[in-house]
N, C-alpha and C. Protein backbone atom coordinates (compact mmCIF):
# COMPACT_ATOMS: atom_id res chain seq x y z
N MET A 1 11.58 -22.48 47.55
CA MET A 1 10.51 -21.44 48.10
C MET A 1 9.97 -20.08 47.36
N ALA A 2 10.96 -19.73 46.88
CA ALA A 2 10.68 -18.54 46.17
C ALA A 2 9.96 -18.67 45.01
N ARG A 3 10.15 -19.90 44.23
CA ARG A 3 9.18 -20.09 43.16
C ARG A 3 7.80 -20.38 43.47
N ARG A 4 7.51 -20.80 44.90
CA ARG A 4 5.82 -21.13 45.05
C ARG A 4 5.36 -19.86 45.36
N ALA A 5 5.97 -18.74 45.61
CA ALA A 5 5.33 -17.25 45.78
C ALA A 5 5.07 -16.76 44.56
N ALA A 6 6.02 -16.86 43.77
CA ALA A 6 5.79 -16.51 42.48
C ALA A 6 4.70 -16.71 41.61
N ARG A 7 4.27 -17.83 41.72
CA ARG A 7 3.27 -18.66 40.78
C ARG A 7 1.87 -18.25 41.12
N PRO A 8 1.32 -17.92 42.19
CA PRO A 8 0.27 -17.35 42.23
C PRO A 8 -0.05 -16.16 41.42
N HIS A 9 1.06 -15.33 41.83
CA HIS A 9 1.18 -13.99 40.96
C HIS A 9 0.86 -14.10 39.59
N ARG A 10 1.44 -15.29 39.03
CA ARG A 10 1.82 -15.27 37.52
C ARG A 10 0.59 -15.89 37.19
N ALA A 11 -0.20 -16.63 37.97
CA ALA A 11 -1.68 -17.21 37.38
C ALA A 11 -2.49 -16.43 37.31
N ALA A 12 -2.23 -15.12 37.79
CA ALA A 12 -3.38 -14.02 37.75
C ALA A 12 -3.20 -13.24 36.49
N GLU A 13 -2.17 -13.33 36.02
CA GLU A 13 -1.64 -12.71 34.82
C GLU A 13 -1.84 -13.27 33.63
N ARG A 14 -2.37 -14.74 33.53
CA ARG A 14 -2.65 -15.44 32.52
C ARG A 14 -3.70 -14.99 31.57
N GLY A 15 -3.35 -15.11 30.20
CA GLY A 15 -4.21 -14.46 29.23
C GLY A 15 -4.17 -12.95 28.95
N GLN A 16 -3.33 -12.22 29.96
CA GLN A 16 -3.30 -11.04 29.54
C GLN A 16 -2.67 -10.51 28.31
N ALA A 17 -1.66 -11.50 27.73
CA ALA A 17 -1.21 -11.11 26.52
C ALA A 17 -2.19 -11.25 25.10
N THR A 18 -2.95 -12.20 25.51
CA THR A 18 -4.11 -12.34 24.59
C THR A 18 -4.94 -11.23 24.61
N VAL A 19 -5.28 -10.89 25.48
CA VAL A 19 -6.20 -9.39 25.94
C VAL A 19 -5.64 -8.37 25.19
N GLU A 20 -4.18 -8.45 25.55
CA GLU A 20 -3.76 -7.05 24.74
C GLU A 20 -3.55 -7.07 23.33
N LEU A 21 -3.42 -8.31 22.83
CA LEU A 21 -3.50 -8.62 21.37
C LEU A 21 -4.70 -8.39 20.74
N ALA A 22 -5.93 -8.66 21.50
CA ALA A 22 -7.10 -8.40 20.95
C ALA A 22 -7.51 -6.98 20.91
N VAL A 23 -7.18 -6.35 21.89
CA VAL A 23 -7.21 -4.81 21.84
C VAL A 23 -6.50 -4.14 20.81
N ALA A 24 -5.17 -4.55 20.63
CA ALA A 24 -4.33 -3.57 19.75
C ALA A 24 -4.42 -4.20 18.37
N MET A 25 -5.06 -5.40 17.95
CA MET A 25 -5.14 -5.95 16.68
C MET A 25 -5.85 -5.10 15.81
N PRO A 26 -6.89 -4.31 16.00
CA PRO A 26 -7.77 -3.39 15.12
C PRO A 26 -7.05 -2.17 14.47
N LEU A 27 -6.35 -2.00 15.59
CA LEU A 27 -5.59 -0.43 15.43
C LEU A 27 -4.49 -0.95 14.43
N LEU A 28 -3.62 -2.14 14.49
CA LEU A 28 -2.75 -2.31 13.72
C LEU A 28 -2.99 -2.74 12.11
N VAL A 29 -4.19 -3.55 12.37
CA VAL A 29 -4.81 -3.64 11.03
C VAL A 29 -5.44 -2.39 10.20
N GLY A 30 -5.88 -1.47 10.84
CA GLY A 30 -6.69 -0.27 10.23
C GLY A 30 -5.35 0.57 10.02
N THR A 31 -4.40 0.67 10.47
CA THR A 31 -3.03 1.23 10.50
C THR A 31 -2.53 0.82 9.02
N CYS A 32 -2.43 -0.67 8.97
CA CYS A 32 -1.85 -1.38 7.65
C CYS A 32 -2.28 -0.90 6.57
N ALA A 33 -3.86 -1.06 6.78
CA ALA A 33 -4.72 -0.48 5.60
C ALA A 33 -4.70 0.77 5.06
N LEU A 34 -4.58 1.69 5.87
CA LEU A 34 -4.43 3.29 5.68
C LEU A 34 -3.18 3.28 5.01
N VAL A 35 -2.12 2.69 5.42
CA VAL A 35 -0.81 2.73 4.73
C VAL A 35 -0.67 2.16 3.35
N ALA A 36 -1.47 1.36 2.93
CA ALA A 36 -1.64 0.67 1.86
C ALA A 36 -2.46 1.31 0.83
N GLN A 37 -3.46 2.12 1.52
CA GLN A 37 -4.10 2.84 0.63
C GLN A 37 -3.66 4.02 0.20
N VAL A 38 -2.78 4.70 1.10
CA VAL A 38 -2.11 5.89 0.66
C VAL A 38 -1.13 5.40 -0.39
N GLY A 39 -0.30 4.26 -0.13
CA GLY A 39 0.28 3.92 -1.21
C GLY A 39 -0.20 3.53 -2.71
N LEU A 40 -1.44 3.15 -2.71
CA LEU A 40 -1.90 2.86 -3.87
C LEU A 40 -2.85 3.86 -4.47
N VAL A 41 -3.08 5.20 -3.86
CA VAL A 41 -3.22 6.39 -4.40
C VAL A 41 -1.88 7.00 -5.13
N ALA A 42 -0.65 7.00 -4.06
CA ALA A 42 0.15 7.67 -4.56
C ALA A 42 0.75 6.51 -6.04
N ALA A 43 0.54 5.47 -6.07
CA ALA A 43 0.73 4.89 -7.36
C ALA A 43 0.12 5.19 -8.48
N ASP A 44 -1.31 5.40 -8.33
CA ASP A 44 -1.94 5.98 -9.37
C ASP A 44 -1.90 7.45 -9.89
N ARG A 45 -1.17 8.16 -8.95
CA ARG A 45 -0.80 9.38 -8.97
C ARG A 45 0.22 9.59 -10.20
N VAL A 46 1.41 8.60 -9.77
CA VAL A 46 2.53 8.56 -10.61
C VAL A 46 2.30 8.00 -11.81
N ALA A 47 1.25 6.99 -12.03
CA ALA A 47 0.64 6.51 -13.52
C ALA A 47 -0.04 7.61 -13.92
N LEU A 48 -0.41 8.35 -13.60
CA LEU A 48 -1.53 9.32 -14.26
C LEU A 48 -0.38 10.50 -14.63
N GLU A 49 0.35 10.90 -13.99
CA GLU A 49 1.57 11.73 -14.41
C GLU A 49 2.33 11.53 -15.69
N HIS A 50 2.54 9.90 -15.77
CA HIS A 50 3.35 9.39 -16.74
C HIS A 50 2.40 9.15 -18.05
N ALA A 51 1.10 9.11 -17.83
CA ALA A 51 0.27 9.09 -18.78
C ALA A 51 0.36 10.38 -19.25
N ALA A 52 -0.06 11.39 -18.71
CA ALA A 52 -0.30 12.61 -19.19
C ALA A 52 0.86 13.21 -19.82
N HIS A 53 2.22 12.68 -19.49
CA HIS A 53 3.34 13.06 -20.06
C HIS A 53 3.19 12.52 -21.72
N ASP A 54 3.11 11.26 -21.72
CA ASP A 54 3.01 10.36 -22.55
C ASP A 54 1.89 10.90 -23.76
N ALA A 55 0.56 11.38 -23.28
CA ALA A 55 -0.26 11.86 -24.21
C ALA A 55 0.21 13.17 -24.70
N ALA A 56 0.69 14.14 -23.85
CA ALA A 56 1.16 15.25 -24.25
C ALA A 56 2.11 15.10 -25.28
N ARG A 57 3.13 14.55 -25.29
CA ARG A 57 4.24 14.04 -26.17
C ARG A 57 3.95 13.46 -27.59
N ALA A 58 2.69 12.62 -27.15
CA ALA A 58 2.04 12.07 -28.77
C ALA A 58 1.62 12.91 -29.28
N ALA A 59 0.63 13.90 -29.01
CA ALA A 59 -0.39 14.66 -29.54
C ALA A 59 0.61 15.77 -29.93
N ALA A 60 1.63 16.17 -29.31
CA ALA A 60 2.55 17.11 -30.12
C ALA A 60 3.50 16.53 -31.06
N ALA A 61 3.61 15.57 -31.19
CA ALA A 61 4.64 14.91 -32.43
C ALA A 61 3.61 14.48 -33.30
N SER A 62 2.25 14.33 -33.21
CA SER A 62 1.51 13.64 -34.37
C SER A 62 1.20 15.24 -35.38
N ASP A 63 1.06 14.35 -36.59
CA ASP A 63 0.80 15.45 -37.79
C ASP A 63 -0.43 15.15 -38.10
N VAL A 64 -1.45 15.40 -37.16
CA VAL A 64 -2.77 15.40 -37.33
C VAL A 64 -3.38 16.92 -37.17
N ALA A 65 -4.81 16.96 -37.86
CA ALA A 65 -5.50 18.11 -37.93
C ALA A 65 -5.62 18.64 -36.12
N PRO A 66 -5.83 20.05 -35.84
CA PRO A 66 -5.86 20.49 -34.60
C PRO A 66 -7.23 19.85 -33.94
N ASP A 67 -8.28 19.43 -34.59
CA ASP A 67 -9.15 18.96 -34.13
C ASP A 67 -9.29 17.39 -33.69
N ALA A 68 -8.12 16.82 -34.24
CA ALA A 68 -7.85 15.33 -33.74
C ALA A 68 -6.89 15.11 -32.85
N VAL A 69 -6.16 16.17 -32.19
CA VAL A 69 -5.04 16.10 -31.08
C VAL A 69 -5.72 15.42 -30.14
N ALA A 70 -7.10 15.57 -29.64
CA ALA A 70 -7.52 15.16 -28.50
C ALA A 70 -7.57 13.69 -28.75
N GLN A 71 -7.93 13.00 -29.97
CA GLN A 71 -7.98 11.61 -30.06
C GLN A 71 -6.56 10.89 -29.84
N VAL A 72 -5.69 11.72 -30.34
CA VAL A 72 -4.35 11.35 -30.10
C VAL A 72 -3.78 11.15 -28.79
N ALA A 73 -4.27 12.22 -27.87
CA ALA A 73 -3.85 12.24 -26.56
C ALA A 73 -4.41 11.25 -25.95
N ARG A 74 -5.88 10.84 -26.09
CA ARG A 74 -6.77 9.87 -25.40
C ARG A 74 -6.22 8.27 -25.65
N ALA A 75 -5.70 8.19 -27.05
CA ALA A 75 -4.87 6.97 -27.35
C ALA A 75 -3.92 6.42 -26.57
N ALA A 76 -2.96 7.66 -26.32
CA ALA A 76 -1.51 7.51 -25.92
C ALA A 76 -1.97 7.51 -24.42
N ALA A 77 -2.63 7.91 -23.49
CA ALA A 77 -3.06 8.08 -22.35
C ALA A 77 -3.30 6.65 -22.13
N LEU A 78 -4.50 6.37 -22.76
CA LEU A 78 -5.03 4.77 -22.58
C LEU A 78 -4.17 3.58 -22.75
N ALA A 79 -2.99 4.10 -23.55
CA ALA A 79 -2.25 2.76 -23.71
C ALA A 79 -1.36 2.66 -22.74
N ARG A 80 -1.01 3.95 -21.88
CA ARG A 80 0.05 3.80 -20.97
C ARG A 80 -1.21 3.48 -19.31
N LEU A 81 -2.16 3.89 -19.43
CA LEU A 81 -2.82 3.82 -18.21
C LEU A 81 -4.59 3.12 -18.86
N ASP A 82 -4.77 2.00 -18.74
CA ASP A 82 -5.81 1.45 -19.28
C ASP A 82 -7.00 1.42 -18.17
N ASP A 83 -7.87 2.30 -18.23
CA ASP A 83 -8.82 2.63 -17.01
C ASP A 83 -9.93 3.07 -17.94
N ASP A 84 -11.21 2.40 -17.57
CA ASP A 84 -12.31 3.11 -18.47
C ASP A 84 -12.81 4.48 -17.91
N GLU A 85 -12.43 5.06 -16.66
CA GLU A 85 -12.81 5.92 -15.89
C GLU A 85 -11.88 7.29 -16.43
N LEU A 86 -11.18 6.82 -16.87
CA LEU A 86 -10.06 8.36 -17.29
C LEU A 86 -10.82 9.01 -18.03
N ALA A 87 -10.60 10.25 -17.87
CA ALA A 87 -11.15 11.52 -18.89
C ALA A 87 -10.08 12.36 -19.18
N VAL A 88 -9.72 12.42 -20.47
CA VAL A 88 -8.63 13.06 -20.91
C VAL A 88 -9.13 14.34 -21.85
N GLU A 89 -8.47 15.32 -21.50
CA GLU A 89 -8.98 16.57 -22.34
C GLU A 89 -7.63 17.29 -22.97
N ALA A 90 -7.60 17.53 -24.18
CA ALA A 90 -6.34 18.01 -24.97
C ALA A 90 -6.72 18.84 -25.79
N VAL A 91 -5.99 20.09 -25.64
CA VAL A 91 -6.21 21.65 -26.14
C VAL A 91 -4.87 22.14 -26.82
N LEU A 92 -5.20 22.88 -27.84
CA LEU A 92 -3.70 23.43 -28.50
C LEU A 92 -3.84 24.84 -27.73
N ASP A 93 -2.84 25.20 -27.10
CA ASP A 93 -2.79 26.72 -26.82
C ASP A 93 -1.48 27.12 -27.31
N GLY A 94 -1.92 27.72 -28.63
CA GLY A 94 -0.67 28.35 -29.19
C GLY A 94 0.20 27.15 -30.08
N ALA A 95 1.54 27.23 -29.97
CA ALA A 95 2.11 26.00 -30.36
C ALA A 95 2.57 24.98 -29.42
N ARG A 96 1.54 24.81 -28.22
CA ARG A 96 2.03 23.96 -27.42
C ARG A 96 0.54 22.82 -27.39
N VAL A 97 0.62 21.88 -26.84
CA VAL A 97 -0.60 20.89 -26.62
C VAL A 97 -0.52 20.68 -25.33
N VAL A 98 -1.58 21.01 -24.48
CA VAL A 98 -1.98 21.04 -22.93
C VAL A 98 -2.78 19.46 -22.88
N VAL A 99 -2.29 18.76 -22.05
CA VAL A 99 -3.32 17.80 -21.94
C VAL A 99 -3.74 17.63 -20.46
N THR A 100 -4.90 17.48 -19.90
CA THR A 100 -5.45 17.36 -18.71
C THR A 100 -6.03 15.86 -18.32
N LEU A 101 -5.49 15.09 -17.43
CA LEU A 101 -6.05 13.90 -17.06
C LEU A 101 -6.79 13.84 -15.90
N ARG A 102 -7.77 13.08 -15.91
CA ARG A 102 -8.50 12.94 -14.49
C ARG A 102 -9.10 11.78 -14.15
N LEU A 103 -8.91 10.93 -13.36
CA LEU A 103 -9.13 9.76 -12.83
C LEU A 103 -9.77 9.82 -11.33
N PRO A 104 -11.22 9.35 -11.49
CA PRO A 104 -11.88 9.17 -10.16
C PRO A 104 -11.30 8.10 -9.44
N ARG A 105 -11.20 7.92 -8.10
CA ARG A 105 -10.77 6.68 -7.26
C ARG A 105 -11.66 6.74 -6.07
N THR A 106 -11.89 5.37 -5.61
CA THR A 106 -12.67 5.52 -4.03
C THR A 106 -11.56 4.91 -3.27
N VAL A 107 -11.38 5.56 -2.14
CA VAL A 107 -10.27 5.07 -1.29
C VAL A 107 -11.09 4.61 0.19
N GLY A 108 -10.26 4.27 1.06
CA GLY A 108 -11.08 3.56 2.29
C GLY A 108 -10.79 2.29 2.61
N LEU A 109 -11.43 1.89 3.66
CA LEU A 109 -11.62 0.59 4.04
C LEU A 109 -12.92 -0.04 3.22
N ALA A 110 -12.93 -1.02 2.26
CA ALA A 110 -14.02 -1.35 1.40
C ALA A 110 -15.14 -1.76 2.44
N PRO A 111 -14.93 -2.74 3.07
CA PRO A 111 -16.05 -3.24 4.01
C PRO A 111 -16.77 -2.40 4.68
N ILE A 112 -16.31 -1.08 4.97
CA ILE A 112 -16.75 -0.17 5.98
C ILE A 112 -17.23 0.75 5.34
N ALA A 113 -18.56 1.12 4.73
CA ALA A 113 -19.00 2.24 3.77
C ALA A 113 -18.58 3.61 4.28
N PRO A 114 -18.65 3.58 5.59
CA PRO A 114 -18.51 5.14 5.93
C PRO A 114 -17.12 5.68 6.13
N LEU A 115 -16.15 4.80 5.62
CA LEU A 115 -14.87 4.96 5.53
C LEU A 115 -14.31 5.24 4.42
N ARG A 116 -15.22 5.30 3.15
CA ARG A 116 -14.72 5.17 2.07
C ARG A 116 -15.19 6.57 1.55
N HIS A 117 -14.13 7.25 0.49
CA HIS A 117 -14.17 8.40 0.11
C HIS A 117 -13.89 8.45 -1.35
N ALA A 118 -14.50 9.29 -2.05
CA ALA A 118 -14.05 9.60 -3.40
C ALA A 118 -13.00 10.55 -3.53
N VAL A 119 -12.14 10.29 -4.18
CA VAL A 119 -10.96 11.03 -4.48
C VAL A 119 -10.84 10.94 -6.22
N ALA A 120 -10.36 12.66 -6.54
CA ALA A 120 -10.67 12.88 -8.01
C ALA A 120 -8.86 13.19 -8.13
N LEU A 121 -8.33 12.22 -8.86
CA LEU A 121 -6.76 12.49 -8.96
C LEU A 121 -6.87 13.23 -10.44
N ALA A 122 -6.18 14.19 -10.51
CA ALA A 122 -5.77 15.00 -11.82
C ALA A 122 -4.60 15.65 -12.05
N THR A 123 -4.13 15.76 -13.29
CA THR A 123 -2.84 16.07 -13.59
C THR A 123 -2.64 16.72 -15.07
N THR A 124 -1.98 17.77 -15.35
CA THR A 124 -2.02 18.59 -16.46
C THR A 124 -0.30 18.39 -16.94
N ALA A 125 -0.18 17.92 -18.38
CA ALA A 125 0.99 18.05 -19.01
C ALA A 125 0.98 18.95 -20.23
N SER A 126 2.23 19.43 -20.65
CA SER A 126 2.31 20.26 -22.00
C SER A 126 3.44 19.85 -22.54
N ALA A 127 3.64 20.03 -23.83
CA ALA A 127 4.45 19.69 -24.84
C ALA A 127 4.43 20.59 -26.00
N PRO A 128 5.85 21.22 -26.51
CA PRO A 128 5.56 22.07 -27.59
C PRO A 128 5.23 21.10 -29.03
N ARG A 129 4.46 21.75 -29.77
CA ARG A 129 4.17 20.96 -31.07
C ARG A 129 5.38 20.94 -31.89
N GLU A 130 5.93 19.58 -32.51
CA GLU A 130 7.09 19.74 -33.28
C GLU A 130 6.93 20.59 -34.54
N HIS A 131 7.79 20.77 -35.07
CA HIS A 131 7.74 21.84 -36.77
C HIS A 131 6.98 20.98 -37.86
N SER A 132 6.95 19.57 -37.73
CA SER A 132 6.59 18.84 -38.60
C SER A 132 4.79 18.83 -38.49
N ALA A 133 4.43 18.81 -37.17
CA ALA A 133 3.04 18.64 -36.92
C ALA A 133 2.32 19.71 -37.20
N ILE A 134 3.07 21.37 -37.28
CA ILE A 134 2.30 22.50 -37.50
C ILE A 134 2.69 22.95 -38.80
N GLY A 135 3.52 22.39 -39.54
CA GLY A 135 3.38 22.76 -40.68
C GLY A 135 4.49 23.50 -41.16
N SER A 136 5.30 24.22 -40.43
CA SER A 136 6.61 24.66 -40.46
C SER A 136 7.67 23.91 -40.71
N PRO A 137 8.74 24.80 -41.54
CA PRO A 137 9.85 24.21 -42.32
C PRO A 137 11.03 23.86 -41.10
């Protein structure tokens, strides 16, 4: 007899889990998309830092004229991070090569235009020019 009394109460709650899932699902999907986007930006940032280091090292070790250092740095950065939007700036600062890389990215939920934002990732790396590169013994 106790079972018959429990059934009407249970029938009134039928579908409650489905409604809760329908309400919670957009929040879960949005949170997962946000976490994934943060991970992608972090990965781009690490790749950019490695490319800047490689570019500074290659430019510092190259035995080219000072005006060609930027070309060497660009080639080294593009070898590591093959992206057409990559901006490379290399300058000689005394006996050091300073390389600055900039990479624009668009982050956010792609189908929802108001939630998309442009982010400019940038990093700088420097390396001392090697003796053979500056003509010193």
